[in-house]
Protein backbone atom coordinates (compact mmCIF):
# COMPACT_ATOMS: atom_id res chain seq x y z
CA UNK A 1 -14.62 22.98 21.70
CA UNK A 2 -12.32 19.56 20.64
CA UNK A 3 -8.51 20.18 21.75
CA UNK A 4 -5.69 19.43 19.37
CA UNK A 5 -5.61 16.20 20.64
CA UNK A 6 -9.08 15.19 19.86
CA UNK A 7 -9.32 16.58 16.37
CA UNK A 8 -6.36 14.74 15.39
CA UNK A 9 -8.18 11.41 16.68
CA UNK A 10 -11.37 12.18 14.90
CA UNK A 11 -9.59 12.72 11.70
CA UNK A 12 -7.54 9.27 12.30
CA UNK A 13 -11.05 7.94 13.18
CA UNK A 14 -12.66 8.85 9.86
CA UNK A 15 -9.58 7.71 8.21
CA UNK A 16 -9.74 4.36 9.32
CA UNK A 17 -13.31 3.99 8.98
CA UNK A 18 -12.44 4.79 4.97
CA UNK A 19 -9.85 2.04 4.76
CA UNK A 20 -12.43 -0.03 6.38
CA UNK A 21 -15.11 0.64 3.89
CA UNK A 22 -12.87 0.81 1.05
CA UNK A 23 -9.97 -2.15 1.70
CA UNK A 24 -12.01 -4.80 1.76
CA UNK A 25 -13.50 -4.56 -1.75
CA UNK A 26 -9.77 -4.33 -3.11
CA UNK A 27 -9.14 -7.37 -1.67
CA UNK A 28 -11.93 -9.15 -2.88
CA UNK A 29 -11.22 -7.67 -6.36
CA UNK A 30 -7.99 -9.41 -5.93
CA UNK A 31 -9.18 -12.50 -5.37
CA UNK A 32 -11.22 -12.49 -8.19
CA UNK A 33 -8.44 -11.38 -10.62
CA UNK A 34 -6.55 -13.99 -9.81
CA UNK A 35 -8.78 -16.75 -9.57
CA UNK A 36 -10.45 -15.79 -12.43
CA UNK A 37 -8.10 -13.78 -14.58
CA UNK A 38 -9.79 -11.83 -17.71
CA UNK A 39 -9.57 -8.32 -18.88
CA UNK A 40 -12.65 -7.23 -17.33
CA UNK A 41 -11.75 -8.27 -13.68
CA UNK A 42 -8.36 -6.90 -14.11
CA UNK A 43 -9.49 -3.79 -15.59
CA UNK A 44 -12.30 -3.15 -12.65
CA UNK A 45 -9.39 -4.37 -10.14
CA UNK A 46 -7.00 -1.41 -11.84
CA UNK A 47 -9.44 1.22 -12.02
CA UNK A 48 -10.35 0.66 -8.26
CA UNK A 49 -6.59 1.12 -6.91
CA UNK A 50 -6.39 4.27 -9.31
CA UNK A 51 -9.84 5.72 -7.55
CA UNK A 52 -8.71 4.70 -3.82
CA UNK A 53 -5.01 6.20 -4.49
CA UNK A 54 -6.77 9.47 -5.56
CA UNK A 55 -9.32 9.40 -2.73
CA UNK A 56 -6.80 8.71 0.02
CA UNK A 57 -3.83 10.98 -1.18
CA UNK A 58 -7.18 13.97 -1.49
CA UNK A 59 -7.88 13.21 2.23
CA UNK A 60 -4.49 12.88 3.11
CA UNK A 61 -3.97 16.04 1.80
CA UNK A 62 -6.94 18.27 2.83
CA UNK A 63 -6.39 16.42 6.59
CA UNK A 64 -2.64 15.46 6.97
CA UNK A 65 -3.09 14.86 10.70
CA UNK A 66 -4.74 11.66 10.09
CA UNK A 67 -0.68 10.14 9.70
CA UNK A 68 0.83 10.39 13.31
CA UNK A 69 3.88 12.12 12.08
CA UNK A 70 4.82 14.42 8.95
CA UNK A 71 7.51 11.95 7.73
CA UNK A 72 4.77 9.12 7.54
CA UNK A 73 2.52 11.69 5.91
CA UNK A 74 4.98 12.40 3.22
CA UNK A 75 5.94 9.12 2.17
CA UNK A 76 2.31 7.92 2.68
CA UNK A 77 1.63 10.66 -0.28
CA UNK A 78 4.87 9.32 -2.50
CA UNK A 79 3.78 5.82 -2.03
CA UNK A 80 0.22 6.83 -3.73
CA UNK A 81 1.38 8.69 -6.19
CA UNK A 82 4.18 6.00 -7.07
CA UNK A 83 1.12 3.05 -6.88
CA UNK A 84 -0.96 5.44 -8.71
CA UNK A 85 1.79 5.92 -11.98
CA UNK A 86 2.44 1.80 -11.67
CA UNK A 87 -1.44 1.21 -12.04
CA UNK A 88 -1.52 2.96 -15.05
CA UNK A 89 1.04 1.23 -16.61
CA UNK A 90 -1.82 -2.19 -16.92
CA UNK A 91 -4.53 0.22 -17.51
CA UNK A 92 -2.33 1.95 -20.84
CA UNK A 93 -1.09 -1.86 -21.72
CA UNK A 94 -3.58 -4.39 -21.18
CA UNK A 95 -1.10 -7.47 -21.70
CA UNK A 96 -0.06 -6.67 -18.39
CA UNK A 97 -3.09 -6.23 -16.87
CA UNK A 98 -2.70 -9.26 -14.73
CA UNK A 99 0.47 -7.64 -12.91
CA UNK A 100 -2.26 -5.29 -10.72
CA UNK A 101 -3.37 -8.08 -8.74
CA UNK A 102 0.36 -9.51 -7.73
CA UNK A 103 0.78 -5.87 -6.43
CA UNK A 104 -2.57 -5.69 -4.60
CA UNK A 105 -1.99 -8.95 -2.76
CA UNK A 106 -0.23 -6.48 -0.10
CA UNK A 107 -3.83 -4.72 0.58
CA UNK A 108 -4.67 -7.84 2.77
CA UNK A 109 -1.55 -6.82 5.12
CA UNK A 110 -3.58 -3.26 5.13
CA UNK A 111 -6.77 -4.95 5.95
CA UNK A 112 -5.32 -6.98 9.00
CA UNK A 113 -3.91 -3.37 9.77
CA UNK A 114 -7.40 -1.51 9.65
CA UNK A 115 -9.08 -4.15 11.53
CA UNK A 116 -6.99 -3.86 14.33
CA UNK A 117 -6.87 -0.42 14.42
CA UNK A 118 -10.94 -0.14 14.46
CA UNK A 119 -11.76 -3.56 16.56
CA UNK A 120 -8.45 -4.03 18.45
CA UNK A 121 -8.49 -7.81 17.19
CA UNK A 122 -5.12 -9.61 18.39
CA UNK A 123 -5.26 -11.98 15.30
CA UNK A 124 -5.28 -8.98 13.44
CA UNK A 125 -2.42 -7.92 14.74
CA UNK A 126 -0.62 -10.94 14.19
CA UNK A 127 -2.06 -11.27 10.78
CA UNK A 128 -0.62 -7.63 10.12
CA UNK A 129 2.85 -8.53 11.15
CA UNK A 130 3.21 -11.93 9.51
CA UNK A 131 1.48 -10.30 6.34
CA UNK A 132 3.95 -7.61 6.40
CA UNK A 133 7.34 -9.70 6.25
CA UNK A 134 5.87 -12.38 3.89
CA UNK A 135 4.19 -9.84 1.46
CA UNK A 136 6.22 -6.09 1.98
CA UNK A 137 9.61 -7.78 2.51
CA UNK A 138 9.75 -10.58 0.59
CA UNK A 139 6.90 -10.60 -2.18
CA UNK A 140 7.37 -7.12 -3.40
CA UNK A 141 11.20 -7.50 -3.60
CA UNK A 142 10.88 -10.48 -5.77
CA UNK A 143 8.00 -8.36 -7.87
CA UNK A 144 10.86 -6.32 -9.09
CA UNK A 145 12.40 -9.03 -10.66
CA UNK A 146 9.47 -10.84 -11.96
CA UNK A 147 8.20 -7.20 -13.62
CA UNK A 148 11.49 -6.60 -15.24
CA UNK A 149 11.62 -10.13 -17.01
CA UNK A 150 7.88 -9.95 -18.09
CA UNK A 151 7.98 -5.90 -18.89
CA UNK A 152 11.18 -6.33 -20.70
CA UNK A 153 10.04 -9.57 -22.42
CA UNK A 154 6.88 -7.51 -23.82
CA UNK A 155 9.20 -5.30 -25.24
CA UNK A 156 9.74 -2.51 -23.05
CA UNK A 157 13.78 -2.43 -22.29
CA UNK A 158 15.31 -1.30 -19.21
CA UNK A 159 15.80 2.76 -19.92
CA UNK A 160 12.44 2.98 -21.63
CA UNK A 161 9.84 5.03 -20.05
CA UNK A 162 7.43 1.53 -19.58
CA UNK A 163 10.39 0.15 -17.64
CA UNK A 164 10.50 3.47 -15.36
CA UNK A 165 7.03 3.27 -14.81
CA UNK A 166 6.53 -0.68 -13.99
CA UNK A 167 9.86 -2.00 -12.26
CA UNK A 168 11.10 1.25 -11.11
CA UNK A 169 7.86 2.29 -9.12
CA UNK A 170 8.28 -1.23 -7.65
CA UNK A 171 11.73 -0.38 -6.60
CA UNK A 172 10.34 3.23 -4.65
CA UNK A 173 7.58 0.96 -3.01
CA UNK A 174 9.85 -1.49 -1.86
CA UNK A 175 11.81 1.15 -0.92
CA UNK A 176 8.81 2.48 1.51
CA UNK A 177 8.45 -0.72 2.73
CA UNK A 178 11.92 -1.12 4.54
CA UNK A 179 11.72 2.48 5.46
CA UNK A 180 8.51 1.65 7.36
CA UNK A 181 10.18 -1.52 8.85
CA UNK A 182 12.84 0.37 10.12
CA UNK A 183 10.86 3.82 11.33
CA UNK A 184 8.60 1.04 13.46
CA UNK A 185 11.86 -0.79 14.50
CA UNK A 186 13.68 2.45 15.75
CA UNK A 187 10.43 3.32 17.43
CA UNK A 188 10.05 0.20 19.54
CA UNK A 189 13.85 0.43 20.45
CA UNK A 190 13.13 3.98 21.71
CA UNK A 191 10.17 2.80 24.00
CA UNK A 192 12.48 0.06 25.07
CA UNK A 193 15.09 2.35 26.30
CA UNK A 194 12.66 4.82 27.61
CA UNK A 195 10.79 1.66 30.04
CA UNK A 196 14.29 0.76 31.11
CA UNK A 197 15.07 4.37 32.39
CA UNK A 198 12.20 4.16 34.17
């Protein structure tokens, strides 16, 4: 019989392997969409992202212990639902299909994290931290402005459903990135305080 901790480790192990299988193709498709832009490459990327969000949301619902805390679990589900809603915008409006790749550049960060979790490579940890700042804390906030300009210029003014779906979703994703940054920073601070007490 496995103990509770062993079961949680096993569940997280499966989730890490799932990401190791799913994230590299998303990064590759993002590169193809950026370097060889076409409705076909954009469409394949968008549908792949939607499929990943559905699959990973399902796993999180069936095995919530794949996340370290219930707060992380809730925010991950919020992220996935928001990202799925967001990617439906370029799927339904092909004129904006190129925007998907702008968002999925962040999967480079996810890939570094997955590589570090699975293989414990030091370069992956460094890559994760650097790409977190560059992509999640700098690039993503810029995309809020860019999406507003592009979507509004395309006829979907602020206040419309499509504007909320695209720009509003990006605002939520940015908020989650900053929340997770704060969460990690607080965790590191608590660990330092504990060491000082010891």
